N, C-alpha and C. Protein backbone atom coordinates (compact mmCIF):
# COMPACT_ATOMS: atom_id res chain seq x y z
N MET A 1 37.02 -15.45 12.65
CA MET A 1 36.86 -14.12 13.20
C MET A 1 36.94 -14.21 14.71
N ASN A 2 37.74 -13.39 15.28
CA ASN A 2 37.92 -13.40 16.72
C ASN A 2 36.80 -12.60 17.37
N LEU A 3 36.11 -13.20 18.33
CA LEU A 3 34.99 -12.54 18.99
C LEU A 3 35.44 -11.39 19.88
N LEU A 4 36.70 -11.40 20.28
CA LEU A 4 37.18 -10.32 21.13
C LEU A 4 37.40 -9.04 20.34
N LEU A 5 37.54 -9.14 19.02
CA LEU A 5 37.75 -7.96 18.20
C LEU A 5 36.45 -7.18 17.97
N VAL A 6 35.31 -7.81 18.17
CA VAL A 6 34.03 -7.15 17.96
C VAL A 6 33.72 -6.29 19.18
N ASP A 7 33.33 -5.07 18.93
CA ASP A 7 33.02 -4.12 20.00
C ASP A 7 31.77 -4.56 20.75
N SER A 8 31.71 -4.25 22.04
CA SER A 8 30.55 -4.64 22.83
C SER A 8 29.30 -3.87 22.39
N MET A 9 29.47 -2.69 21.84
CA MET A 9 28.34 -1.91 21.36
C MET A 9 27.69 -2.61 20.16
N THR A 10 28.46 -3.33 19.37
CA THR A 10 27.93 -4.08 18.24
C THR A 10 26.95 -5.14 18.72
N TRP A 11 27.32 -5.85 19.77
CA TRP A 11 26.43 -6.89 20.32
C TRP A 11 25.17 -6.25 20.89
N THR A 12 25.30 -5.11 21.52
CA THR A 12 24.13 -4.43 22.08
C THR A 12 23.15 -4.03 20.98
N ILE A 13 23.68 -3.46 19.90
CA ILE A 13 22.83 -3.04 18.79
C ILE A 13 22.18 -4.26 18.13
N THR A 14 22.92 -5.34 17.98
CA THR A 14 22.39 -6.55 17.36
C THR A 14 21.25 -7.14 18.18
N VAL A 15 21.46 -7.29 19.47
CA VAL A 15 20.44 -7.87 20.35
C VAL A 15 19.22 -6.94 20.41
N LEU A 16 19.45 -5.65 20.49
CA LEU A 16 18.35 -4.70 20.54
C LEU A 16 17.54 -4.74 19.24
N GLY A 17 18.20 -4.87 18.12
CA GLY A 17 17.51 -4.98 16.84
C GLY A 17 16.65 -6.23 16.77
N TRP A 18 17.17 -7.35 17.21
CA TRP A 18 16.38 -8.59 17.23
C TRP A 18 15.17 -8.45 18.14
N LEU A 19 15.37 -7.85 19.29
CA LEU A 19 14.25 -7.68 20.23
C LEU A 19 13.16 -6.78 19.64
N ILE A 20 13.56 -5.73 18.96
CA ILE A 20 12.57 -4.84 18.35
C ILE A 20 11.78 -5.57 17.27
N VAL A 21 12.47 -6.35 16.45
CA VAL A 21 11.78 -7.09 15.38
C VAL A 21 10.81 -8.10 15.95
N PHE A 22 11.23 -8.87 16.94
CA PHE A 22 10.33 -9.87 17.52
C PHE A 22 9.18 -9.23 18.29
N ALA A 23 9.44 -8.12 18.95
CA ALA A 23 8.36 -7.42 19.65
C ALA A 23 7.32 -6.91 18.64
N ALA A 24 7.79 -6.40 17.51
CA ALA A 24 6.86 -5.93 16.48
C ALA A 24 6.05 -7.09 15.90
N LEU A 25 6.69 -8.24 15.70
CA LEU A 25 5.97 -9.40 15.18
C LEU A 25 4.92 -9.89 16.17
N ILE A 26 5.25 -9.93 17.44
CA ILE A 26 4.29 -10.36 18.46
C ILE A 26 3.13 -9.36 18.53
N PHE A 27 3.44 -8.08 18.44
CA PHE A 27 2.40 -7.05 18.44
C PHE A 27 1.45 -7.22 17.26
N LEU A 28 1.99 -7.49 16.07
CA LEU A 28 1.15 -7.69 14.90
C LEU A 28 0.28 -8.94 15.02
N VAL A 29 0.83 -10.01 15.59
CA VAL A 29 0.05 -11.23 15.78
C VAL A 29 -1.11 -10.96 16.73
N LEU A 30 -0.85 -10.23 17.80
CA LEU A 30 -1.92 -9.91 18.74
C LEU A 30 -3.00 -9.05 18.08
N ILE A 31 -2.60 -8.12 17.25
CA ILE A 31 -3.58 -7.28 16.55
C ILE A 31 -4.42 -8.14 15.60
N PHE A 32 -3.77 -9.02 14.83
CA PHE A 32 -4.51 -9.84 13.87
C PHE A 32 -5.42 -10.85 14.55
N LEU A 33 -5.12 -11.24 15.78
CA LEU A 33 -5.98 -12.17 16.49
C LEU A 33 -7.15 -11.47 17.18
N THR A 34 -6.98 -10.23 17.61
CA THR A 34 -8.04 -9.56 18.36
C THR A 34 -9.01 -8.75 17.50
N VAL A 35 -8.56 -8.26 16.35
CA VAL A 35 -9.45 -7.45 15.52
C VAL A 35 -10.69 -8.23 15.06
N PRO A 36 -10.56 -9.47 14.58
CA PRO A 36 -11.78 -10.19 14.20
C PRO A 36 -12.74 -10.41 15.38
N LYS A 37 -12.21 -10.64 16.56
CA LYS A 37 -13.06 -10.82 17.74
C LYS A 37 -13.81 -9.53 18.05
N LEU A 38 -13.14 -8.40 17.93
CA LEU A 38 -13.80 -7.12 18.18
C LEU A 38 -14.88 -6.85 17.14
N LEU A 39 -14.61 -7.19 15.90
CA LEU A 39 -15.62 -6.99 14.85
C LEU A 39 -16.83 -7.88 15.07
N HIS A 40 -16.61 -9.12 15.51
CA HIS A 40 -17.73 -10.02 15.77
C HIS A 40 -18.54 -9.55 16.97
N MET A 41 -17.87 -8.99 17.97
CA MET A 41 -18.61 -8.46 19.13
C MET A 41 -19.50 -7.30 18.69
N ASP A 42 -19.00 -6.43 17.83
CA ASP A 42 -19.79 -5.31 17.34
C ASP A 42 -20.96 -5.80 16.49
N LEU A 43 -20.72 -6.83 15.68
CA LEU A 43 -21.79 -7.39 14.85
C LEU A 43 -22.87 -8.04 15.71
N LYS A 44 -22.44 -8.74 16.76
CA LYS A 44 -23.42 -9.36 17.68
C LYS A 44 -24.26 -8.28 18.36
N ARG A 45 -23.60 -7.21 18.77
CA ARG A 45 -24.30 -6.12 19.45
C ARG A 45 -25.32 -5.47 18.51
N SER A 46 -24.93 -5.28 17.26
CA SER A 46 -25.86 -4.65 16.31
C SER A 46 -27.02 -5.58 15.96
N LEU A 47 -26.79 -6.91 15.92
CA LEU A 47 -27.88 -7.85 15.66
C LEU A 47 -28.89 -7.85 16.81
N LYS A 48 -28.38 -7.79 18.03
CA LYS A 48 -29.28 -7.75 19.18
C LYS A 48 -30.04 -6.42 19.22
N LYS A 49 -29.39 -5.35 18.85
CA LYS A 49 -30.02 -4.03 18.89
C LYS A 49 -31.13 -3.92 17.85
N ASN A 50 -30.92 -4.51 16.68
CA ASN A 50 -31.93 -4.44 15.61
C ASN A 50 -33.06 -5.44 15.82
N GLY A 51 -32.96 -6.29 16.81
CA GLY A 51 -34.02 -7.24 17.10
C GLY A 51 -34.00 -8.48 16.25
N LYS A 52 -32.91 -8.73 15.57
CA LYS A 52 -32.82 -9.93 14.74
C LYS A 52 -32.52 -11.16 15.57
N VAL A 53 -32.01 -10.94 16.78
CA VAL A 53 -31.70 -12.04 17.68
C VAL A 53 -32.29 -11.69 19.04
N ALA A 54 -32.94 -12.68 19.66
CA ALA A 54 -33.55 -12.45 20.97
C ALA A 54 -32.47 -12.33 22.04
N GLU A 55 -32.81 -11.76 23.18
CA GLU A 55 -31.84 -11.51 24.25
C GLU A 55 -31.19 -12.79 24.77
N GLY A 56 -31.97 -13.81 25.03
CA GLY A 56 -31.40 -15.04 25.59
C GLY A 56 -30.85 -15.98 24.56
N GLU A 57 -31.12 -15.72 23.30
CA GLU A 57 -30.70 -16.63 22.23
C GLU A 57 -29.21 -16.48 21.95
N GLU A 58 -28.58 -17.59 21.71
CA GLU A 58 -27.14 -17.61 21.40
C GLU A 58 -26.95 -17.37 19.90
N ILE A 59 -25.98 -16.57 19.54
CA ILE A 59 -25.70 -16.27 18.14
C ILE A 59 -24.71 -17.31 17.63
N LYS A 60 -25.06 -17.94 16.53
CA LYS A 60 -24.20 -18.96 15.94
C LYS A 60 -23.15 -18.30 15.07
N ALA A 61 -22.06 -19.02 14.86
CA ALA A 61 -20.99 -18.50 14.00
C ALA A 61 -21.47 -18.41 12.56
N SER A 62 -22.40 -19.30 12.18
CA SER A 62 -22.89 -19.26 10.79
C SER A 62 -23.74 -18.02 10.53
N ASP A 63 -24.32 -17.42 11.58
CA ASP A 63 -25.09 -16.18 11.40
C ASP A 63 -24.18 -14.99 11.09
N LEU A 64 -22.93 -15.09 11.52
CA LEU A 64 -22.01 -13.97 11.35
C LEU A 64 -21.23 -14.05 10.04
N GLU A 65 -21.25 -15.19 9.38
CA GLU A 65 -20.47 -15.36 8.15
C GLU A 65 -21.26 -14.92 6.94
N ILE A 66 -20.54 -14.46 5.94
CA ILE A 66 -21.15 -14.04 4.68
C ILE A 66 -20.96 -15.18 3.69
N SER A 67 -21.99 -15.50 2.93
CA SER A 67 -21.92 -16.63 2.00
C SER A 67 -21.01 -16.31 0.82
N GLY A 68 -20.64 -17.35 0.10
CA GLY A 68 -19.76 -17.19 -1.05
C GLY A 68 -20.39 -16.40 -2.17
N GLU A 69 -21.72 -16.54 -2.33
CA GLU A 69 -22.40 -15.80 -3.38
C GLU A 69 -22.35 -14.30 -3.11
N VAL A 70 -22.52 -13.92 -1.85
CA VAL A 70 -22.46 -12.50 -1.50
C VAL A 70 -21.05 -11.96 -1.70
N ASN A 71 -20.06 -12.75 -1.31
CA ASN A 71 -18.66 -12.34 -1.52
C ASN A 71 -18.37 -12.17 -3.01
N ALA A 72 -18.87 -13.10 -3.84
CA ALA A 72 -18.64 -13.01 -5.29
C ALA A 72 -19.32 -11.78 -5.87
N ALA A 73 -20.53 -11.46 -5.40
CA ALA A 73 -21.24 -10.28 -5.91
C ALA A 73 -20.50 -9.00 -5.52
N ILE A 74 -20.00 -8.94 -4.30
CA ILE A 74 -19.25 -7.76 -3.86
C ILE A 74 -17.97 -7.62 -4.68
N ALA A 75 -17.26 -8.73 -4.90
CA ALA A 75 -16.01 -8.69 -5.67
C ALA A 75 -16.27 -8.26 -7.10
N MET A 76 -17.36 -8.75 -7.70
CA MET A 76 -17.68 -8.37 -9.08
C MET A 76 -18.06 -6.90 -9.17
N GLY A 77 -18.80 -6.41 -8.18
CA GLY A 77 -19.15 -5.00 -8.16
C GLY A 77 -17.92 -4.11 -8.05
N LEU A 78 -16.99 -4.48 -7.18
CA LEU A 78 -15.75 -3.70 -7.04
C LEU A 78 -14.93 -3.75 -8.32
N TYR A 79 -14.85 -4.92 -8.94
CA TYR A 79 -14.09 -5.06 -10.19
C TYR A 79 -14.67 -4.16 -11.28
N MET A 80 -15.99 -4.18 -11.41
CA MET A 80 -16.63 -3.36 -12.44
C MET A 80 -16.48 -1.88 -12.14
N TYR A 81 -16.55 -1.49 -10.87
CA TYR A 81 -16.41 -0.09 -10.50
C TYR A 81 -15.01 0.42 -10.82
N PHE A 82 -13.99 -0.34 -10.47
CA PHE A 82 -12.62 0.13 -10.69
C PHE A 82 -12.24 0.10 -12.17
N ASN A 83 -12.85 -0.75 -12.97
CA ASN A 83 -12.55 -0.77 -14.41
C ASN A 83 -13.27 0.34 -15.15
N GLU A 84 -14.35 0.89 -14.60
CA GLU A 84 -15.06 1.98 -15.24
C GLU A 84 -14.31 3.30 -15.11
N MET A 85 -13.36 3.39 -14.23
CA MET A 85 -12.68 4.65 -13.97
C MET A 85 -11.75 5.04 -15.11
N HIS A 86 -11.42 4.10 -16.00
CA HIS A 86 -10.52 4.41 -17.11
C HIS A 86 -11.32 4.93 -18.29
N ASP A 87 -10.75 5.89 -18.99
CA ASP A 87 -11.39 6.43 -20.17
C ASP A 87 -11.21 5.46 -21.34
N GLU A 88 -12.16 5.48 -22.24
CA GLU A 88 -12.04 4.70 -23.46
C GLU A 88 -11.10 5.44 -24.41
N GLU A 89 -10.14 4.72 -24.93
CA GLU A 89 -9.17 5.33 -25.83
C GLU A 89 -9.28 4.65 -27.19
N SER A 90 -8.82 5.35 -28.22
CA SER A 90 -8.96 4.83 -29.58
C SER A 90 -7.92 3.77 -29.90
N ASN A 91 -6.89 3.63 -29.11
CA ASN A 91 -5.79 2.68 -29.33
C ASN A 91 -5.05 2.94 -30.64
N VAL A 92 -5.05 4.17 -31.12
CA VAL A 92 -4.32 4.55 -32.32
C VAL A 92 -3.19 5.47 -31.89
N ILE A 93 -1.99 5.12 -32.29
CA ILE A 93 -0.83 5.93 -31.94
C ILE A 93 -0.43 6.73 -33.17
N THR A 94 -0.35 8.03 -33.02
CA THR A 94 0.08 8.88 -34.12
C THR A 94 1.33 9.62 -33.69
N ILE A 95 2.26 9.70 -34.62
CA ILE A 95 3.50 10.42 -34.35
C ILE A 95 3.58 11.55 -35.37
N LYS A 96 3.59 12.76 -34.89
CA LYS A 96 3.68 13.92 -35.77
C LYS A 96 5.09 14.47 -35.71
N GLU A 97 5.64 14.71 -36.89
CA GLU A 97 6.97 15.28 -36.95
C GLU A 97 6.85 16.79 -36.79
N VAL A 98 7.58 17.31 -35.85
CA VAL A 98 7.52 18.74 -35.58
C VAL A 98 8.80 19.37 -36.13
N ARG A 99 8.63 20.30 -37.05
CA ARG A 99 9.79 21.01 -37.60
C ARG A 99 9.97 22.31 -36.82
N ARG A 100 11.16 22.47 -36.35
CA ARG A 100 11.46 23.68 -35.62
C ARG A 100 12.35 24.58 -36.47
N ARG A 101 12.02 25.81 -36.47
CA ARG A 101 12.84 26.75 -37.20
C ARG A 101 14.15 26.98 -36.46
N TYR A 102 15.14 27.42 -37.21
CA TYR A 102 16.43 27.71 -36.60
C TYR A 102 16.32 28.97 -35.76
N SER A 103 16.84 28.89 -34.56
CA SER A 103 16.83 30.05 -33.68
C SER A 103 18.25 30.27 -33.18
N PRO A 104 18.76 31.48 -33.34
CA PRO A 104 20.13 31.72 -32.88
C PRO A 104 20.26 31.62 -31.36
N TRP A 105 19.15 31.68 -30.65
CA TRP A 105 19.23 31.61 -29.20
C TRP A 105 19.65 30.22 -28.73
N SER A 106 19.36 29.21 -29.53
CA SER A 106 19.72 27.87 -29.11
C SER A 106 21.07 27.42 -29.67
N SER A 107 21.73 28.28 -30.42
CA SER A 107 23.01 27.92 -30.99
C SER A 107 24.09 27.98 -29.92
N LYS A 108 24.92 26.96 -29.90
CA LYS A 108 25.93 26.88 -28.85
C LYS A 108 27.14 27.77 -29.14
N ILE A 109 27.31 28.14 -30.37
CA ILE A 109 28.48 28.96 -30.70
C ILE A 109 28.38 30.34 -30.08
N TYR A 110 27.14 30.83 -29.90
CA TYR A 110 26.98 32.16 -29.32
C TYR A 110 27.16 32.14 -27.81
N GLY A 111 27.19 30.99 -27.24
CA GLY A 111 27.39 30.90 -25.80
C GLY A 111 28.85 30.92 -25.40
N MET A 112 29.75 30.83 -26.36
CA MET A 112 31.17 30.81 -26.05
C MET A 112 31.70 32.24 -25.96
N ASN A 113 32.58 32.47 -25.03
CA ASN A 113 33.18 33.80 -24.86
C ASN A 113 34.46 33.87 -25.68
N ASN A 114 34.63 34.97 -26.36
CA ASN A 114 35.88 35.18 -27.11
C ASN A 114 36.87 35.85 -26.18
N VAL A 115 37.68 35.06 -25.61
CA VAL A 115 38.68 35.56 -24.71
C VAL A 115 40.05 35.44 -25.40
N ASN A 116 40.76 36.55 -25.50
CA ASN A 116 42.08 36.51 -26.12
C ASN A 116 43.11 36.33 -25.02
N PHE A 117 43.81 35.25 -25.12
CA PHE A 117 44.85 34.97 -24.15
C PHE A 117 46.16 35.54 -24.66
N PRO A 118 46.95 36.11 -23.78
CA PRO A 118 48.26 36.60 -24.23
C PRO A 118 49.16 35.44 -24.61
N ARG A 119 49.97 35.67 -25.63
CA ARG A 119 50.88 34.60 -26.08
C ARG A 119 52.25 34.81 -25.61
């Protein structure tokens, strides 16, 4: 493929597309790195406000983490809550045959126009 045959606008759109994708990826990485820090700052502030930690005392990372047992209890509670939302069904499938009476309104022959063409 000859590079001179490609329009310069094609290269502009290609480079601009790559820049937009990489800028979005960098933006997402920055968001994912800063959100946990902001949440920990809020948690530290609330611990100090409630008096669970003294003013001069340093807060350890282990104080901010939730144990595995608590995570398992929360997960089990959510699982049970979302499974209760479904109704209990009998699991019996019944098929009833419906007989319809003949109706001239649904007959296709009455939908045709009788047009006499000259011969």
